[in-house]
Amino acid sequence: MDSSKIIGSIKTVEDKDRLFSEIDLVSKAIYVEGELLKVLDSQVSKTLRGYVGNETSQEVISQKLSDLKKSLAEFSVVKLTLAYEPSESTIDKILAFLRQNLGEKTILEMQFEPKILGGVIFEFRGSYKDYTLKSRLDEVFKNKREEILRSLSQNSNRKTQNYSSNL
């Protein structure tokens, strides 16, 4: 198995970090008698196990793992902040769009913040874009503050006048 299958299966920073941890486990197990098979059988993903395959040469395994680590280090991270946790299907669609437009070695770092109400905060290579409902509402309230306060005040005055006239 070549590394492209493993690289293609990485969707998020969490996936990448998990694979780095598994690579470290295998790298340590290579040099301990009888440990490699135990680690491959019970402590790493099937994908990494398939990548290592039936190889027994410490040097070859070490080189394969080193090459895989280099490939993982080449990922670009797009950070998204959403109001909800998306389904796996939604993550796949977002990632497909980003990979089509930014390159195949793009992964997601997802954060969830209900306070944004809806929309997304997008961060990539130093660029920050806020497309959230909260920011839009904040903008409306900022720009129309006086008008809103005047309207609230008028409604309050009408209620006071209606109450006074009913006495």
Foldseek 3Di string as FASTA:
>chain_A
DALPVVLLVAAAPVSLVLVVVLLVLLLVQLPDPPRNVVCLVPPDDPVVSVQLDPDNDNVVSVVRSVVNNVLSVPAWEKEKEFQDDDDPVVSVVVSVVCCVVPNSRYHYYYHHDNVLVGDMWIDGPHDTDDPGPNVVVVVCCVVCVVVVVVVVVVVVVVVVVVVVVVD
